Amino acid sequence: QVQPVESGGRLVQAGDSMNLSCTASELAFAVLDVGWFRQPPGKEREFVAAIGVNDGDTYYADSVEGRFTISRDIVKNTVNLQMNSLRPEDTAVYFCAAESGTVVPGRWEYEYWGQGTQVIVSS
């Protein structure tokens, strides 16, 4: 079964930075639309950021705009989420998702999903 794998989640303090990474041996991220989502405790999963096959196409949720950066490393076959100025409200399980088709901005429908990595930001 094709499944992206997330890594990098840990416990940090408010104001710290963290980089999450997503990879999958069965998927060539260079030709996929990839997104990051998160599910805070007791809440539904929400969109965080996305990157299209054309790296100029990046999208962010309003809550992370200016603090988070999504990028693609073709050599390492990873998609990374650099998170700066972390806040306690960023605490969540972060998921990576990939799509071999075209993702419509705003709909954020992906075919392949990872198991998630836990991010905890203490105040």
N, C-alpha and C. Protein backbone atom coordinates (compact mmCIF):
# COMPACT_ATOMS: atom_id res chain seq x y z
N GLN A 1 0.84 -1.18 0.00
CA GLN A 1 0.00 0.00 0.00
C GLN A 1 0.88 1.24 0.00
N VAL A 2 0.58 2.15 -0.91
CA VAL A 2 1.36 3.37 -1.00
C VAL A 2 0.98 4.29 0.16
N GLN A 3 1.97 4.74 0.91
CA GLN A 3 1.69 5.61 2.05
C GLN A 3 2.85 6.53 2.34
N PRO A 4 2.60 7.83 2.33
CA PRO A 4 3.64 8.77 2.74
C PRO A 4 3.98 8.56 4.21
N VAL A 5 5.20 8.95 4.59
CA VAL A 5 5.65 8.83 5.98
C VAL A 5 6.14 10.19 6.46
N GLU A 6 5.53 10.66 7.54
CA GLU A 6 5.93 11.93 8.12
C GLU A 6 6.96 11.72 9.22
N SER A 7 7.79 12.73 9.44
CA SER A 7 8.75 12.69 10.54
C SER A 7 9.06 14.11 10.98
N GLY A 8 9.63 14.22 12.18
CA GLY A 8 10.08 15.51 12.68
C GLY A 8 9.26 16.08 13.81
N GLY A 9 8.11 15.52 14.10
CA GLY A 9 7.29 16.06 15.17
C GLY A 9 7.92 15.82 16.54
N ARG A 10 7.76 16.78 17.44
CA ARG A 10 8.30 16.67 18.79
C ARG A 10 7.69 17.74 19.67
N LEU A 11 8.13 17.79 20.91
CA LEU A 11 7.69 18.80 21.87
C LEU A 11 8.64 19.99 21.83
N VAL A 12 8.08 21.18 21.66
CA VAL A 12 8.88 22.40 21.66
C VAL A 12 8.17 23.47 22.48
N GLN A 13 8.85 24.60 22.67
CA GLN A 13 8.25 25.72 23.38
C GLN A 13 7.72 26.75 22.38
N ALA A 14 6.80 27.54 22.84
CA ALA A 14 6.26 28.60 21.99
C ALA A 14 7.39 29.49 21.50
N GLY A 15 7.34 29.85 20.22
CA GLY A 15 8.37 30.66 19.62
C GLY A 15 9.46 29.87 18.91
N ASP A 16 9.54 28.58 19.19
CA ASP A 16 10.54 27.73 18.56
C ASP A 16 10.18 27.42 17.11
N SER A 17 11.13 26.79 16.43
CA SER A 17 10.92 26.37 15.05
C SER A 17 11.03 24.85 14.95
N MET A 18 10.46 24.32 13.88
CA MET A 18 10.49 22.88 13.67
C MET A 18 10.31 22.62 12.18
N ASN A 19 10.96 21.55 11.71
CA ASN A 19 10.79 21.16 10.31
C ASN A 19 10.20 19.76 10.25
N LEU A 20 9.09 19.63 9.57
CA LEU A 20 8.50 18.33 9.32
C LEU A 20 8.87 17.88 7.91
N SER A 21 9.05 16.58 7.78
CA SER A 21 9.41 16.03 6.48
C SER A 21 8.46 14.91 6.10
N CYS A 22 8.19 14.81 4.82
CA CYS A 22 7.30 13.76 4.30
C CYS A 22 8.00 13.09 3.13
N THR A 23 8.01 11.76 3.15
CA THR A 23 8.60 11.03 2.05
C THR A 23 7.82 9.74 1.82
N ALA A 24 8.06 9.11 0.67
CA ALA A 24 7.43 7.83 0.37
C ALA A 24 8.25 7.15 -0.72
N SER A 25 8.70 5.97 -0.45
CA SER A 25 9.57 5.28 -1.40
C SER A 25 8.83 4.94 -2.69
N GLU A 26 7.50 4.81 -2.60
CA GLU A 26 6.73 4.41 -3.78
C GLU A 26 6.26 5.60 -4.62
N LEU A 27 6.47 6.80 -4.14
CA LEU A 27 5.94 7.98 -4.80
C LEU A 27 7.06 8.93 -5.20
N ALA A 28 6.97 9.47 -6.38
CA ALA A 28 7.92 10.47 -6.84
C ALA A 28 7.30 11.84 -6.58
N PHE A 29 7.70 12.47 -5.49
CA PHE A 29 7.09 13.72 -5.09
C PHE A 29 7.31 14.84 -6.08
N ALA A 30 8.26 14.67 -6.97
CA ALA A 30 8.52 15.72 -7.95
C ALA A 30 7.35 15.91 -8.91
N VAL A 31 6.50 14.89 -9.04
CA VAL A 31 5.39 14.98 -9.99
C VAL A 31 4.04 14.88 -9.30
N LEU A 32 4.01 15.13 -8.01
CA LEU A 32 2.76 15.03 -7.25
C LEU A 32 2.40 16.35 -6.58
N ASP A 33 1.12 16.56 -6.44
CA ASP A 33 0.65 17.62 -5.56
C ASP A 33 0.69 17.07 -4.13
N VAL A 34 1.23 17.84 -3.20
CA VAL A 34 1.38 17.38 -1.83
C VAL A 34 0.83 18.43 -0.87
N GLY A 35 0.18 17.95 0.16
CA GLY A 35 -0.38 18.86 1.14
C GLY A 35 -0.05 18.43 2.56
N TRP A 36 -0.10 19.38 3.46
CA TRP A 36 0.03 19.13 4.90
C TRP A 36 -1.28 19.53 5.56
N PHE A 37 -1.71 18.68 6.47
CA PHE A 37 -2.91 18.92 7.24
C PHE A 37 -2.58 18.70 8.71
N ARG A 38 -3.48 19.13 9.58
CA ARG A 38 -3.27 18.86 11.00
C ARG A 38 -4.61 18.64 11.69
N GLN A 39 -4.54 17.89 12.77
CA GLN A 39 -5.74 17.65 13.58
C GLN A 39 -5.43 17.98 15.02
N PRO A 40 -5.88 19.12 15.50
CA PRO A 40 -5.67 19.49 16.90
C PRO A 40 -6.47 18.57 17.81
N PRO A 41 -6.08 18.48 19.07
CA PRO A 41 -6.81 17.62 20.00
C PRO A 41 -8.29 17.97 20.07
N GLY A 42 -9.15 16.98 19.87
CA GLY A 42 -10.58 17.19 19.97
C GLY A 42 -11.22 17.93 18.82
N LYS A 43 -10.45 18.17 17.76
CA LYS A 43 -10.99 18.93 16.62
C LYS A 43 -10.85 18.13 15.33
N GLU A 44 -11.47 18.63 14.28
CA GLU A 44 -11.39 17.96 12.99
C GLU A 44 -10.08 18.32 12.28
N ARG A 45 -9.73 17.50 11.35
CA ARG A 45 -8.55 17.75 10.55
C ARG A 45 -8.73 19.01 9.70
N GLU A 46 -7.66 19.78 9.57
CA GLU A 46 -7.74 21.03 8.82
C GLU A 46 -6.55 21.18 7.89
N PHE A 47 -6.76 21.92 6.84
CA PHE A 47 -5.72 22.19 5.86
C PHE A 47 -4.68 23.12 6.45
N VAL A 48 -3.40 22.87 6.13
CA VAL A 48 -2.30 23.72 6.59
C VAL A 48 -1.59 24.37 5.41
N ALA A 49 -1.10 23.55 4.48
CA ALA A 49 -0.33 24.08 3.36
C ALA A 49 -0.33 23.07 2.23
N ALA A 50 -0.06 23.56 1.02
CA ALA A 50 0.00 22.67 -0.14
C ALA A 50 0.99 23.21 -1.15
N ILE A 51 1.53 22.30 -1.93
CA ILE A 51 2.45 22.68 -2.99
C ILE A 51 2.08 21.90 -4.25
N GLY A 52 1.99 22.61 -5.38
CA GLY A 52 1.65 21.98 -6.63
C GLY A 52 2.89 21.47 -7.34
N VAL A 53 2.67 20.76 -8.43
CA VAL A 53 3.78 20.24 -9.21
C VAL A 53 4.70 21.36 -9.65
N ASN A 54 4.13 22.48 -9.99
CA ASN A 54 4.90 23.68 -10.27
C ASN A 54 5.21 24.33 -8.92
N ASP A 55 6.46 24.37 -8.50
CA ASP A 55 6.80 24.85 -7.17
C ASP A 55 6.45 26.30 -6.91
N GLY A 56 6.04 26.99 -7.92
CA GLY A 56 5.59 28.35 -7.68
C GLY A 56 4.21 28.39 -7.07
N ASP A 57 3.51 27.28 -7.10
CA ASP A 57 2.14 27.20 -6.59
C ASP A 57 2.15 26.66 -5.17
N THR A 58 2.12 27.55 -4.20
CA THR A 58 2.03 27.14 -2.80
C THR A 58 0.82 27.83 -2.17
N TYR A 59 0.23 27.16 -1.21
CA TYR A 59 -0.98 27.65 -0.58
C TYR A 59 -0.87 27.44 0.93
N TYR A 60 -1.44 28.36 1.69
CA TYR A 60 -1.36 28.28 3.14
C TYR A 60 -2.70 28.64 3.77
N ALA A 61 -2.95 28.01 4.90
CA ALA A 61 -4.08 28.44 5.71
C ALA A 61 -3.76 29.81 6.31
N ASP A 62 -4.77 30.60 6.54
CA ASP A 62 -4.56 31.93 7.09
C ASP A 62 -3.82 31.87 8.43
N SER A 63 -4.09 30.84 9.20
CA SER A 63 -3.51 30.73 10.54
C SER A 63 -2.01 30.49 10.53
N VAL A 64 -1.45 30.05 9.41
CA VAL A 64 -0.01 29.76 9.36
C VAL A 64 0.72 30.62 8.34
N GLU A 65 -0.01 31.40 7.57
CA GLU A 65 0.59 32.26 6.54
C GLU A 65 1.67 33.14 7.17
N GLY A 66 2.85 33.16 6.57
CA GLY A 66 3.94 33.98 7.08
C GLY A 66 4.79 33.30 8.14
N ARG A 67 4.32 32.18 8.68
CA ARG A 67 5.10 31.46 9.70
C ARG A 67 5.57 30.10 9.18
N PHE A 68 4.78 29.47 8.34
CA PHE A 68 5.10 28.14 7.81
C PHE A 68 5.49 28.27 6.34
N THR A 69 6.41 27.38 5.93
CA THR A 69 6.83 27.34 4.53
C THR A 69 6.86 25.89 4.05
N ILE A 70 6.16 25.62 2.96
CA ILE A 70 6.20 24.27 2.37
C ILE A 70 7.16 24.29 1.19
N SER A 71 7.96 23.22 1.08
CA SER A 71 8.93 23.16 -0.01
C SER A 71 9.16 21.73 -0.42
N ARG A 72 9.72 21.58 -1.60
CA ARG A 72 9.95 20.25 -2.17
C ARG A 72 11.44 20.05 -2.38
N ASP A 73 11.98 18.90 -1.95
CA ASP A 73 13.38 18.54 -2.18
C ASP A 73 13.37 17.35 -3.13
N ILE A 74 13.63 17.62 -4.40
CA ILE A 74 13.54 16.57 -5.40
C ILE A 74 14.62 15.52 -5.21
N VAL A 75 15.81 15.92 -4.80
CA VAL A 75 16.92 14.98 -4.62
C VAL A 75 16.59 13.98 -3.51
N LYS A 76 16.07 14.48 -2.40
CA LYS A 76 15.73 13.61 -1.27
C LYS A 76 14.33 13.01 -1.40
N ASN A 77 13.57 13.46 -2.40
CA ASN A 77 12.19 13.01 -2.58
C ASN A 77 11.36 13.26 -1.33
N THR A 78 11.45 14.47 -0.85
CA THR A 78 10.67 14.85 0.34
C THR A 78 9.93 16.16 0.08
N VAL A 79 8.88 16.34 0.85
CA VAL A 79 8.21 17.63 0.93
C VAL A 79 8.27 18.05 2.39
N ASN A 80 8.79 19.23 2.63
CA ASN A 80 9.04 19.69 3.99
C ASN A 80 8.10 20.82 4.39
N LEU A 81 7.85 20.89 5.67
CA LEU A 81 7.05 21.98 6.23
C LEU A 81 7.89 22.63 7.32
N GLN A 82 8.46 23.79 7.02
CA GLN A 82 9.22 24.55 7.99
C GLN A 82 8.26 25.41 8.78
N MET A 83 8.26 25.21 10.09
CA MET A 83 7.33 25.93 10.95
C MET A 83 8.10 26.82 11.91
N ASN A 84 7.89 28.10 11.82
CA ASN A 84 8.56 29.09 12.68
C ASN A 84 7.54 29.76 13.60
N SER A 85 8.06 30.38 14.63
CA SER A 85 7.22 31.11 15.58
C SER A 85 6.02 30.27 16.02
N LEU A 86 6.32 29.05 16.45
CA LEU A 86 5.24 28.14 16.82
C LEU A 86 4.47 28.64 18.03
N ARG A 87 3.19 28.34 18.01
CA ARG A 87 2.26 28.75 19.06
C ARG A 87 1.61 27.52 19.68
N PRO A 88 1.13 27.63 20.89
CA PRO A 88 0.43 26.48 21.49
C PRO A 88 -0.73 25.98 20.62
N GLU A 89 -1.39 26.86 19.92
CA GLU A 89 -2.51 26.44 19.07
C GLU A 89 -2.07 25.68 17.82
N ASP A 90 -0.76 25.59 17.60
CA ASP A 90 -0.25 24.75 16.50
C ASP A 90 -0.13 23.29 16.93
N THR A 91 -0.37 23.01 18.19
CA THR A 91 -0.32 21.64 18.68
C THR A 91 -1.34 20.78 17.95
N ALA A 92 -0.87 19.69 17.35
CA ALA A 92 -1.75 18.83 16.56
C ALA A 92 -0.95 17.64 16.05
N VAL A 93 -1.68 16.68 15.50
CA VAL A 93 -1.05 15.63 14.69
C VAL A 93 -1.01 16.16 13.26
N TYR A 94 0.16 16.17 12.67
CA TYR A 94 0.34 16.70 11.33
C TYR A 94 0.42 15.55 10.32
N PHE A 95 -0.37 15.66 9.26
CA PHE A 95 -0.45 14.64 8.24
C PHE A 95 0.05 15.16 6.90
N CYS A 96 0.71 14.27 6.17
CA CYS A 96 1.12 14.55 4.81
C CYS A 96 0.20 13.79 3.86
N ALA A 97 -0.12 14.42 2.74
CA ALA A 97 -0.98 13.76 1.76
C ALA A 97 -0.46 14.05 0.36
N ALA A 98 -0.65 13.09 -0.53
CA ALA A 98 -0.16 13.25 -1.90
C ALA A 98 -1.24 12.83 -2.90
N GLU A 99 -1.17 13.43 -4.06
CA GLU A 99 -2.18 13.20 -5.09
C GLU A 99 -1.49 13.12 -6.45
N SER A 100 -1.81 12.06 -7.20
CA SER A 100 -1.22 11.90 -8.53
C SER A 100 -1.97 12.69 -9.58
N GLY A 101 -3.18 13.11 -9.25
CA GLY A 101 -3.94 13.94 -10.17
C GLY A 101 -3.73 15.41 -9.87
N THR A 102 -4.69 16.21 -10.18
CA THR A 102 -4.61 17.65 -9.94
C THR A 102 -5.49 18.03 -8.76
N VAL A 103 -4.88 18.65 -7.79
CA VAL A 103 -5.63 19.09 -6.62
C VAL A 103 -6.21 20.48 -6.88
N VAL A 104 -7.49 20.61 -6.65
CA VAL A 104 -8.14 21.90 -6.84
C VAL A 104 -7.97 22.71 -5.56
N PRO A 105 -7.32 23.85 -5.64
CA PRO A 105 -7.15 24.68 -4.44
C PRO A 105 -8.49 24.98 -3.77
N GLY A 106 -8.52 24.73 -2.49
CA GLY A 106 -9.76 24.92 -1.74
C GLY A 106 -10.48 23.63 -1.47
N ARG A 107 -10.33 22.66 -2.36
CA ARG A 107 -10.97 21.36 -2.15
C ARG A 107 -10.03 20.40 -1.43
N TRP A 108 -8.74 20.47 -1.73
CA TRP A 108 -7.70 19.73 -1.02
C TRP A 108 -8.03 18.25 -0.88
N GLU A 109 -8.27 17.61 -2.01
CA GLU A 109 -8.58 16.18 -2.02
C GLU A 109 -7.35 15.41 -2.49
N TYR A 110 -6.90 14.50 -1.60
CA TYR A 110 -5.68 13.75 -1.86
C TYR A 110 -5.93 12.25 -1.78
N GLU A 111 -5.13 11.51 -2.54
CA GLU A 111 -5.31 10.06 -2.64
C GLU A 111 -4.55 9.31 -1.56
N TYR A 112 -3.35 9.76 -1.25
CA TYR A 112 -2.47 9.03 -0.34
C TYR A 112 -2.25 9.83 0.94
N TRP A 113 -2.38 9.17 2.07
CA TRP A 113 -2.26 9.83 3.37
C TRP A 113 -1.29 9.11 4.27
N GLY A 114 -0.50 9.88 5.02
CA GLY A 114 0.39 9.31 6.01
C GLY A 114 -0.32 9.08 7.33
N GLN A 115 0.40 8.52 8.28
CA GLN A 115 -0.16 8.20 9.59
C GLN A 115 -0.08 9.39 10.56
N GLY A 116 0.74 10.36 10.24
CA GLY A 116 0.81 11.56 11.06
C GLY A 116 2.01 11.57 11.99
N THR A 117 2.39 12.78 12.39
CA THR A 117 3.45 12.97 13.37
C THR A 117 2.99 14.02 14.37
N GLN A 118 3.27 13.78 15.66
CA GLN A 118 2.74 14.63 16.71
C GLN A 118 3.61 15.85 16.94
N VAL A 119 2.98 17.00 16.94
CA VAL A 119 3.66 18.25 17.28
C VAL A 119 2.99 18.83 18.52
N ILE A 120 3.81 19.12 19.54
CA ILE A 120 3.29 19.71 20.76
C ILE A 120 4.07 20.99 21.04
N VAL A 121 3.34 22.08 21.19
CA VAL A 121 3.96 23.37 21.47
C VAL A 121 3.50 23.82 22.86
N SER A 122 4.44 23.90 23.78
CA SER A 122 4.09 24.30 25.14
C SER A 122 4.20 25.82 25.29
N SER A 123 3.40 26.36 26.18
CA SER A 123 3.40 27.82 26.38
C SER A 123 4.42 28.23 27.42
